[in-house]
């Protein structure tokens, strides 16, 4: 959270199952903080819970394993929005 607020990246990839803090909590914090709410978040997790991820503000929810090409296609959609599936 601190790094996202400080550096304001073009996008964040977020795993849901992380040690120490739940990814759902991080996603909620990112989307409710005025400094980070506009940063696109892509959830990448072994959990298949797309509906929850999107309802909490993720722009995409991908279930592992994913390929480099899948991730790059998703990131490309941020640059060229008409490519959104």
PDB file of N, CA and C in Angstrom:
ATOM      1  N   UNK A   1       0.823  -1.186   0.000  1.00  0.00           N
ATOM      2  CA  UNK A   1       0.000   0.000   0.000  1.00  0.00           C
ATOM      3  C   UNK A   1       0.868   1.251   0.000  1.00  0.00           C
ATOM      4  N   UNK A   2       1.876   1.237   0.820  1.00  0.00           N
ATOM      5  CA  UNK A   2       2.745   2.412   0.902  1.00  0.00           C
ATOM      6  C   UNK A   2       3.427   2.686  -0.441  1.00  0.00           C
ATOM      7  N   UNK A   3       3.966   1.641  -1.059  1.00  0.00           N
ATOM      8  CA  UNK A   3       4.655   1.807  -2.339  1.00  0.00           C
ATOM      9  C   UNK A   3       3.680   2.250  -3.431  1.00  0.00           C
ATOM     10  N   UNK A   4       2.477   1.695  -3.450  1.00  0.00           N
ATOM     11  CA  UNK A   4       1.487   2.082  -4.469  1.00  0.00           C
ATOM     12  C   UNK A   4       1.113   3.552  -4.316  1.00  0.00           C
ATOM     13  N   UNK A   5       0.951   4.014  -3.099  1.00  0.00           N
ATOM     14  CA  UNK A   5       0.623   5.413  -2.869  1.00  0.00           C
ATOM     15  C   UNK A   5       1.768   6.348  -3.216  1.00  0.00           C
ATOM     16  N   UNK A   6       2.978   5.893  -2.964  1.00  0.00           N
ATOM     17  CA  UNK A   6       4.153   6.732  -3.218  1.00  0.00           C
ATOM     18  C   UNK A   6       4.513   6.788  -4.695  1.00  0.00           C
ATOM     19  N   UNK A   7       4.526   5.629  -5.359  1.00  0.00           N
ATOM     20  CA  UNK A   7       5.010   5.560  -6.732  1.00  0.00           C
ATOM     21  C   UNK A   7       3.911   5.623  -7.793  1.00  0.00           C
ATOM     22  N   UNK A   8       2.677   5.384  -7.389  1.00  0.00           N
ATOM     23  CA  UNK A   8       1.525   5.415  -8.299  1.00  0.00           C
ATOM     24  C   UNK A   8       1.823   4.677  -9.608  1.00  0.00           C
ATOM     25  N   UNK A   9       1.974   3.353  -9.542  1.00  0.00           N
ATOM     26  CA  UNK A   9       2.310   2.584 -10.745  1.00  0.00           C
ATOM     27  C   UNK A   9       1.177   2.611 -11.771  1.00  0.00           C
ATOM     28  N   UNK A  10       1.498   2.226 -12.986  1.00  0.00           N
ATOM     29  CA  UNK A  10       0.496   2.169 -14.056  1.00  0.00           C
ATOM     30  C   UNK A  10      -0.515   1.067 -13.809  1.00  0.00           C
ATOM     31  N   UNK A  11      -0.106   0.026 -13.090  1.00  0.00           N
ATOM     32  CA  UNK A  11      -0.988  -1.088 -12.743  1.00  0.00           C
ATOM     33  C   UNK A  11      -0.361  -1.858 -11.584  1.00  0.00           C
ATOM     34  N   UNK A  12      -1.194  -2.631 -10.908  1.00  0.00           N
ATOM     35  CA  UNK A  12      -0.742  -3.493  -9.815  1.00  0.00           C
ATOM     36  C   UNK A  12      -1.246  -4.896 -10.102  1.00  0.00           C
ATOM     37  N   UNK A  13      -0.358  -5.901  -9.982  1.00  0.00           N
ATOM     38  CA  UNK A  13      -0.804  -7.288  -9.983  1.00  0.00           C
ATOM     39  C   UNK A  13      -0.856  -7.722  -8.526  1.00  0.00           C
ATOM     40  N   UNK A  14      -1.925  -8.413  -8.176  1.00  0.00           N
ATOM     41  CA  UNK A  14      -2.159  -8.732  -6.770  1.00  0.00           C
ATOM     42  C   UNK A  14      -2.575 -10.180  -6.619  1.00  0.00           C
ATOM     43  N   UNK A  15      -1.845 -10.915  -5.799  1.00  0.00           N
ATOM     44  CA  UNK A  15      -2.244 -12.267  -5.432  1.00  0.00           C
ATOM     45  C   UNK A  15      -3.200 -12.161  -4.249  1.00  0.00           C
ATOM     46  N   UNK A  16      -4.136 -13.068  -4.161  1.00  0.00           N
ATOM     47  CA  UNK A  16      -5.092 -13.035  -3.057  1.00  0.00           C
ATOM     48  C   UNK A  16      -4.555 -13.763  -1.834  1.00  0.00           C
ATOM     49  N   UNK A  17      -3.873 -14.878  -2.047  1.00  0.00           N
ATOM     50  CA  UNK A  17      -3.316 -15.656  -0.938  1.00  0.00           C
ATOM     51  C   UNK A  17      -1.884 -15.226  -0.687  1.00  0.00           C
ATOM     52  N   UNK A  18      -1.704 -14.359   0.300  1.00  0.00           N
ATOM     53  CA  UNK A  18      -0.371 -13.872   0.631  1.00  0.00           C
ATOM     54  C   UNK A  18      -0.136 -14.056   2.119  1.00  0.00           C
ATOM     55  N   UNK A  19       1.115 -14.219   2.502  1.00  0.00           N
ATOM     56  CA  UNK A  19       1.409 -14.323   3.930  1.00  0.00           C
ATOM     57  C   UNK A  19       1.226 -12.971   4.614  1.00  0.00           C
ATOM     58  N   UNK A  20       0.674 -12.998   5.785  1.00  0.00           N
ATOM     59  CA  UNK A  20       0.569 -11.774   6.577  1.00  0.00           C
ATOM     60  C   UNK A  20      -0.705 -10.992   6.392  1.00  0.00           C
ATOM     61  N   UNK A  21      -1.099 -10.718   5.151  1.00  0.00           N
ATOM     62  CA  UNK A  21      -2.291  -9.909   4.920  1.00  0.00           C
ATOM     63  C   UNK A  21      -3.070 -10.466   3.742  1.00  0.00           C
ATOM     64  N   UNK A  22      -4.358 -10.550   3.904  1.00  0.00           N
ATOM     65  CA  UNK A  22      -5.241 -11.084   2.891  1.00  0.00           C
ATOM     66  C   UNK A  22      -5.300 -10.159   1.672  1.00  0.00           C
ATOM     67  N   UNK A  23      -5.188 -10.732   0.477  1.00  0.00           N
ATOM     68  CA  UNK A  23      -5.244  -9.948  -0.746  1.00  0.00           C
ATOM     69  C   UNK A  23      -6.564  -9.208  -0.931  1.00  0.00           C
ATOM     70  N   UNK A  24      -7.668  -9.776  -0.417  1.00  0.00           N
ATOM     71  CA  UNK A  24      -8.966  -9.086  -0.507  1.00  0.00           C
ATOM     72  C   UNK A  24      -8.909  -7.770   0.259  1.00  0.00           C
ATOM     73  N   UNK A  25      -8.247  -7.798   1.416  1.00  0.00           N
ATOM     74  CA  UNK A  25      -8.102  -6.568   2.218  1.00  0.00           C
ATOM     75  C   UNK A  25      -7.257  -5.534   1.477  1.00  0.00           C
ATOM     76  N   UNK A  26      -6.186  -5.995   0.853  1.00  0.00           N
ATOM     77  CA  UNK A  26      -5.316  -5.081   0.096  1.00  0.00           C
ATOM     78  C   UNK A  26      -6.099  -4.460  -1.060  1.00  0.00           C
ATOM     79  N   UNK A  27      -6.863  -5.287  -1.785  1.00  0.00           N
ATOM     80  CA  UNK A  27      -7.651  -4.778  -2.899  1.00  0.00           C
ATOM     81  C   UNK A  27      -8.638  -3.717  -2.410  1.00  0.00           C
ATOM     82  N   UNK A  28      -9.297  -4.005  -1.310  1.00  0.00           N
ATOM     83  CA  UNK A  28     -10.244  -3.035  -0.744  1.00  0.00           C
ATOM     84  C   UNK A  28      -9.524  -1.731  -0.374  1.00  0.00           C
ATOM     85  N   UNK A  29      -8.373  -1.847   0.261  1.00  0.00           N
ATOM     86  CA  UNK A  29      -7.616  -0.655   0.644  1.00  0.00           C
ATOM     87  C   UNK A  29      -7.176   0.147  -0.586  1.00  0.00           C
ATOM     88  N   UNK A  30      -6.695  -0.546  -1.613  1.00  0.00           N
ATOM     89  CA  UNK A  30      -6.270   0.146  -2.834  1.00  0.00           C
ATOM     90  C   UNK A  30      -7.422   0.926  -3.461  1.00  0.00           C
ATOM     91  N   UNK A  31      -8.601   0.336  -3.452  1.00  0.00           N
ATOM     92  CA  UNK A  31      -9.732   0.952  -4.135  1.00  0.00           C
ATOM     93  C   UNK A  31     -10.470   1.990  -3.289  1.00  0.00           C
ATOM     94  N   UNK A  32     -10.184   2.064  -2.010  1.00  0.00           N
ATOM     95  CA  UNK A  32     -10.841   3.072  -1.163  1.00  0.00           C
ATOM     96  C   UNK A  32      -9.922   4.222  -0.780  1.00  0.00           C
ATOM     97  N   UNK A  33      -8.637   4.080  -1.063  1.00  0.00           N
ATOM     98  CA  UNK A  33      -7.677   5.145  -0.761  1.00  0.00           C
ATOM     99  C   UNK A  33      -7.654   6.132  -1.933  1.00  0.00           C
ATOM    100  N   UNK A  34      -7.883   7.418  -1.690  1.00  0.00           N
ATOM    101  CA  UNK A  34      -7.881   8.401  -2.782  1.00  0.00           C
ATOM    102  C   UNK A  34      -6.590   8.421  -3.598  1.00  0.00           C
ATOM    103  N   UNK A  35      -5.453   8.075  -2.977  1.00  0.00           N
ATOM    104  CA  UNK A  35      -4.172   8.087  -3.685  1.00  0.00           C
ATOM    105  C   UNK A  35      -4.038   6.927  -4.667  1.00  0.00           C
ATOM    106  N   UNK A  36      -4.745   5.818  -4.421  1.00  0.00           N
ATOM    107  CA  UNK A  36      -4.531   4.606  -5.221  1.00  0.00           C
ATOM    108  C   UNK A  36      -5.787   4.098  -5.920  1.00  0.00           C
ATOM    109  N   UNK A  37      -6.914   4.717  -5.687  1.00  0.00           N
ATOM    110  CA  UNK A  37      -8.175   4.154  -6.199  1.00  0.00           C
ATOM    111  C   UNK A  37      -8.236   4.077  -7.719  1.00  0.00           C
ATOM    112  N   UNK A  38      -7.477   4.900  -8.434  1.00  0.00           N
ATOM    113  CA  UNK A  38      -7.513   4.879  -9.892  1.00  0.00           C
ATOM    114  C   UNK A  38      -6.443   3.998 -10.527  1.00  0.00           C
ATOM    115  N   UNK A  39      -5.628   3.354  -9.704  1.00  0.00           N
ATOM    116  CA  UNK A  39      -4.609   2.443 -10.221  1.00  0.00           C
ATOM    117  C   UNK A  39      -5.300   1.131 -10.590  1.00  0.00           C
ATOM    118  N   UNK A  40      -5.175   0.678 -11.844  1.00  0.00           N
ATOM    119  CA  UNK A  40      -5.780  -0.599 -12.228  1.00  0.00           C
ATOM    120  C   UNK A  40      -5.140  -1.760 -11.464  1.00  0.00           C
ATOM    121  N   UNK A  41      -5.978  -2.657 -10.949  1.00  0.00           N
ATOM    122  CA  UNK A  41      -5.500  -3.823 -10.220  1.00  0.00           C
ATOM    123  C   UNK A  41      -5.907  -5.079 -10.979  1.00  0.00           C
ATOM    124  N   UNK A  42      -4.926  -5.940 -11.213  1.00  0.00           N
ATOM    125  CA  UNK A  42      -5.158  -7.235 -11.848  1.00  0.00           C
ATOM    126  C   UNK A  42      -4.893  -8.295 -10.791  1.00  0.00           C
ATOM    127  N   UNK A  43      -5.930  -9.016 -10.404  1.00  0.00           N
ATOM    128  CA  UNK A  43      -5.760 -10.102  -9.440  1.00  0.00           C
ATOM    129  C   UNK A  43      -5.302 -11.344 -10.182  1.00  0.00           C
ATOM    130  N   UNK A  44      -4.299 -12.007  -9.628  1.00  0.00           N
ATOM    131  CA  UNK A  44      -3.784 -13.261 -10.181  1.00  0.00           C
ATOM    132  C   UNK A  44      -3.676 -14.220  -9.007  1.00  0.00           C
ATOM    133  N   UNK A  45      -4.518 -15.247  -9.002  1.00  0.00           N
ATOM    134  CA  UNK A  45      -4.590 -16.101  -7.829  1.00  0.00           C
ATOM    135  C   UNK A  45      -4.946 -17.536  -8.204  1.00  0.00           C
ATOM    136  N   UNK A  46      -4.702 -18.452  -7.284  1.00  0.00           N
ATOM    137  CA  UNK A  46      -5.174 -19.829  -7.460  1.00  0.00           C
ATOM    138  C   UNK A  46      -6.653 -19.929  -7.108  1.00  0.00           C
ATOM    139  N   UNK A  47      -7.170 -18.944  -6.376  1.00  0.00           N
ATOM    140  CA  UNK A  47      -8.589 -18.936  -6.023  1.00  0.00           C
ATOM    141  C   UNK A  47      -9.412 -18.500  -7.227  1.00  0.00           C
ATOM    142  N   UNK A  48     -10.449 -19.230  -7.519  1.00  0.00           N
ATOM    143  CA  UNK A  48     -11.322 -18.895  -8.646  1.00  0.00           C
ATOM    144  C   UNK A  48     -12.520 -18.122  -8.105  1.00  0.00           C
ATOM    145  N   UNK A  49     -12.335 -16.819  -7.921  1.00  0.00           N
ATOM    146  CA  UNK A  49     -13.406 -15.991  -7.375  1.00  0.00           C
ATOM    147  C   UNK A  49     -13.461 -14.657  -8.126  1.00  0.00           C
ATOM    148  N   UNK A  50     -13.616 -14.771  -9.436  1.00  0.00           N
ATOM    149  CA  UNK A  50     -13.625 -13.622 -10.328  1.00  0.00           C
ATOM    150  C   UNK A  50     -14.674 -12.587  -9.935  1.00  0.00           C
ATOM    151  N   UNK A  51     -15.891 -13.046  -9.649  1.00  0.00           N
ATOM    152  CA  UNK A  51     -16.979 -12.115  -9.326  1.00  0.00           C
ATOM    153  C   UNK A  51     -16.616 -11.220  -8.144  1.00  0.00           C
ATOM    154  N   UNK A  52     -16.067 -11.803  -7.092  1.00  0.00           N
ATOM    155  CA  UNK A  52     -15.693 -11.007  -5.921  1.00  0.00           C
ATOM    156  C   UNK A  52     -14.583 -10.020  -6.279  1.00  0.00           C
ATOM    157  N   UNK A  53     -13.568 -10.478  -6.985  1.00  0.00           N
ATOM    158  CA  UNK A  53     -12.461  -9.594  -7.365  1.00  0.00           C
ATOM    159  C   UNK A  53     -12.937  -8.394  -8.170  1.00  0.00           C
ATOM    160  N   UNK A  54     -13.780  -8.651  -9.164  1.00  0.00           N
ATOM    161  CA  UNK A  54     -14.283  -7.554  -9.984  1.00  0.00           C
ATOM    162  C   UNK A  54     -15.209  -6.644  -9.187  1.00  0.00           C
ATOM    163  N   UNK A  55     -16.009  -7.219  -8.297  1.00  0.00           N
ATOM    164  CA  UNK A  55     -16.916  -6.390  -7.496  1.00  0.00           C
ATOM    165  C   UNK A  55     -16.160  -5.484  -6.526  1.00  0.00           C
ATOM    166  N   UNK A  56     -14.955  -5.896  -6.142  1.00  0.00           N
ATOM    167  CA  UNK A  56     -14.133  -5.078  -5.245  1.00  0.00           C
ATOM    168  C   UNK A  56     -13.275  -4.062  -5.995  1.00  0.00           C
ATOM    169  N   UNK A  57     -13.350  -4.083  -7.348  1.00  0.00           N
ATOM    170  CA  UNK A  57     -12.663  -3.046  -8.112  1.00  0.00           C
ATOM    171  C   UNK A  57     -11.524  -3.486  -8.996  1.00  0.00           C
ATOM    172  N   UNK A  58     -11.191  -4.779  -9.008  1.00  0.00           N
ATOM    173  CA  UNK A  58     -10.141  -5.244  -9.920  1.00  0.00           C
ATOM    174  C   UNK A  58     -10.622  -5.062 -11.359  1.00  0.00           C
ATOM    175  N   UNK A  59      -9.695  -4.753 -12.265  1.00  0.00           N
ATOM    176  CA  UNK A  59     -10.090  -4.625 -13.668  1.00  0.00           C
ATOM    177  C   UNK A  59     -10.062  -5.977 -14.375  1.00  0.00           C
ATOM    178  N   UNK A  60      -9.318  -6.927 -13.787  1.00  0.00           N
ATOM    179  CA  UNK A  60      -9.251  -8.278 -14.336  1.00  0.00           C
ATOM    180  C   UNK A  60      -8.946  -9.240 -13.207  1.00  0.00           C
ATOM    181  N   UNK A  61      -9.394 -10.476 -13.372  1.00  0.00           N
ATOM    182  CA  UNK A  61      -9.136 -11.517 -12.389  1.00  0.00           C
ATOM    183  C   UNK A  61      -8.719 -12.754 -13.155  1.00  0.00           C
ATOM    184  N   UNK A  62      -7.494 -13.198 -12.926  1.00  0.00           N
ATOM    185  CA  UNK A  62      -6.933 -14.332 -13.645  1.00  0.00           C
ATOM    186  C   UNK A  62      -6.617 -15.452 -12.664  1.00  0.00           C
ATOM    187  N   UNK A  63      -6.911 -16.681 -13.085  1.00  0.00           N
ATOM    188  CA  UNK A  63      -6.662 -17.840 -12.231  1.00  0.00           C
ATOM    189  C   UNK A  63      -5.360 -18.508 -12.679  1.00  0.00           C
ATOM    190  N   UNK A  64      -4.471 -18.717 -11.714  1.00  0.00           N
ATOM    191  CA  UNK A  64      -3.187 -19.374 -11.985  1.00  0.00           C
ATOM    192  C   UNK A  64      -3.421 -20.817 -12.393  1.00  0.00           C
ATOM    193  N   UNK A  65      -2.569 -21.357 -13.224  1.00  0.00           N
ATOM    194  CA  UNK A  65      -1.392 -20.727 -13.810  1.00  0.00           C
ATOM    195  C   UNK A  65      -1.789 -19.871 -15.014  1.00  0.00           C
ATOM    196  N   UNK A  66      -1.062 -18.796 -15.198  1.00  0.00           N
ATOM    197  CA  UNK A  66      -1.269 -17.955 -16.377  1.00  0.00           C
ATOM    198  C   UNK A  66       0.050 -17.872 -17.127  1.00  0.00           C
ATOM    199  N   UNK A  67      -0.040 -17.563 -18.390  1.00  0.00           N
ATOM    200  CA  UNK A  67       1.176 -17.430 -19.199  1.00  0.00           C
ATOM    201  C   UNK A  67       1.599 -15.965 -19.264  1.00  0.00           C
ATOM    202  N   UNK A  68       2.823 -15.774 -19.645  1.00  0.00           N
ATOM    203  CA  UNK A  68       3.334 -14.418 -19.858  1.00  0.00           C
ATOM    204  C   UNK A  68       2.479 -13.704 -20.902  1.00  0.00           C
ATOM    205  N   UNK A  69       2.082 -14.436 -21.952  1.00  0.00           N
ATOM    206  CA  UNK A  69       1.266 -13.838 -23.013  1.00  0.00           C
ATOM    207  C   UNK A  69      -0.091 -13.372 -22.480  1.00  0.00           C
ATOM    208  N   UNK A  70      -0.701 -14.164 -21.607  1.00  0.00           N
ATOM    209  CA  UNK A  70      -1.988 -13.754 -21.025  1.00  0.00           C
ATOM    210  C   UNK A  70      -1.836 -12.456 -20.240  1.00  0.00           C
ATOM    211  N   UNK A  71      -0.790 -12.374 -19.428  1.00  0.00           N
ATOM    212  CA  UNK A  71      -0.574 -11.169 -18.643  1.00  0.00           C
ATOM    213  C   UNK A  71      -0.267  -9.981 -19.545  1.00  0.00           C
ATOM    214  N   UNK A  72       0.565 -10.187 -20.540  1.00  0.00           N
ATOM    215  CA  UNK A  72       0.903  -9.090 -21.449  1.00  0.00           C
ATOM    216  C   UNK A  72      -0.322  -8.608 -22.226  1.00  0.00           C
ATOM    217  N   UNK A  73      -1.194  -9.520 -22.638  1.00  0.00           N
ATOM    218  CA  UNK A  73      -2.433  -9.124 -23.321  1.00  0.00           C
ATOM    219  C   UNK A  73      -3.298  -8.260 -22.416  1.00  0.00           C
ATOM    220  N   UNK A  74      -3.395  -8.645 -21.155  1.00  0.00           N
ATOM    221  CA  UNK A  74      -4.190  -7.868 -20.200  1.00  0.00           C
ATOM    222  C   UNK A  74      -3.583  -6.492 -19.975  1.00  0.00           C
ATOM    223  N   UNK A  75      -2.269  -6.432 -19.815  1.00  0.00           N
ATOM    224  CA  UNK A  75      -1.603  -5.146 -19.630  1.00  0.00           C
ATOM    225  C   UNK A  75      -1.733  -4.283 -20.886  1.00  0.00           C
ATOM    226  N   UNK A  76      -1.682  -4.893 -22.047  1.00  0.00           N
ATOM    227  CA  UNK A  76      -1.829  -4.153 -23.312  1.00  0.00           C
ATOM    228  C   UNK A  76      -3.203  -3.484 -23.361  1.00  0.00           C
ATOM    229  N   UNK A  77      -4.220  -4.113 -22.800  1.00  0.00           N
ATOM    230  CA  UNK A  77      -5.566  -3.529 -22.788  1.00  0.00           C
ATOM    231  C   UNK A  77      -5.600  -2.226 -21.992  1.00  0.00           C
ATOM    232  N   UNK A  78      -4.679  -2.064 -21.061  1.00  0.00           N
ATOM    233  CA  UNK A  78      -4.606  -0.813 -20.310  1.00  0.00           C
ATOM    234  C   UNK A  78      -4.061   0.311 -21.179  1.00  0.00           C
ATOM    235  N   UNK A  79      -3.207  -0.057 -22.127  1.00  0.00           N
ATOM    236  CA  UNK A  79      -2.587   0.927 -23.013  1.00  0.00           C
ATOM    237  C   UNK A  79      -3.493   1.229 -24.198  1.00  0.00           C
ATOM    238  N   UNK A  80      -4.135   0.183 -24.721  1.00  0.00           N
ATOM    239  CA  UNK A  80      -5.024   0.323 -25.872  1.00  0.00           C
ATOM    240  C   UNK A  80      -6.394  -0.225 -25.464  1.00  0.00           C
ATOM    241  N   UNK A  81      -7.236   0.616 -24.850  1.00  0.00           N
ATOM    242  CA  UNK A  81      -8.509   0.140 -24.284  1.00  0.00           C
ATOM    243  C   UNK A  81      -9.432  -0.579 -25.262  1.00  0.00           C
ATOM    244  N   UNK A  82      -9.364  -0.283 -26.568  1.00  0.00           N
ATOM    245  CA  UNK A  82     -10.257  -0.955 -27.503  1.00  0.00           C
ATOM    246  C   UNK A  82      -9.947  -2.446 -27.633  1.00  0.00           C
ATOM    247  N   UNK A  83      -8.800  -2.894 -27.093  1.00  0.00           N
ATOM    248  CA  UNK A  83      -8.460  -4.317 -27.117  1.00  0.00           C
ATOM    249  C   UNK A  83      -9.127  -5.085 -25.975  1.00  0.00           C
ATOM    250  N   UNK A  84      -9.830  -4.408 -25.089  1.00  0.00           N
ATOM    251  CA  UNK A  84     -10.469  -5.076 -23.952  1.00  0.00           C
ATOM    252  C   UNK A  84     -11.418  -6.130 -24.489  1.00  0.00           C
ATOM    253  N   UNK A  85     -11.337  -7.303 -23.888  1.00  0.00           N
ATOM    254  CA  UNK A  85     -12.157  -8.436 -24.352  1.00  0.00           C
ATOM    255  C   UNK A  85     -13.573  -8.320 -23.880  1.00  0.00           C
TER     256      UNK A  85
END
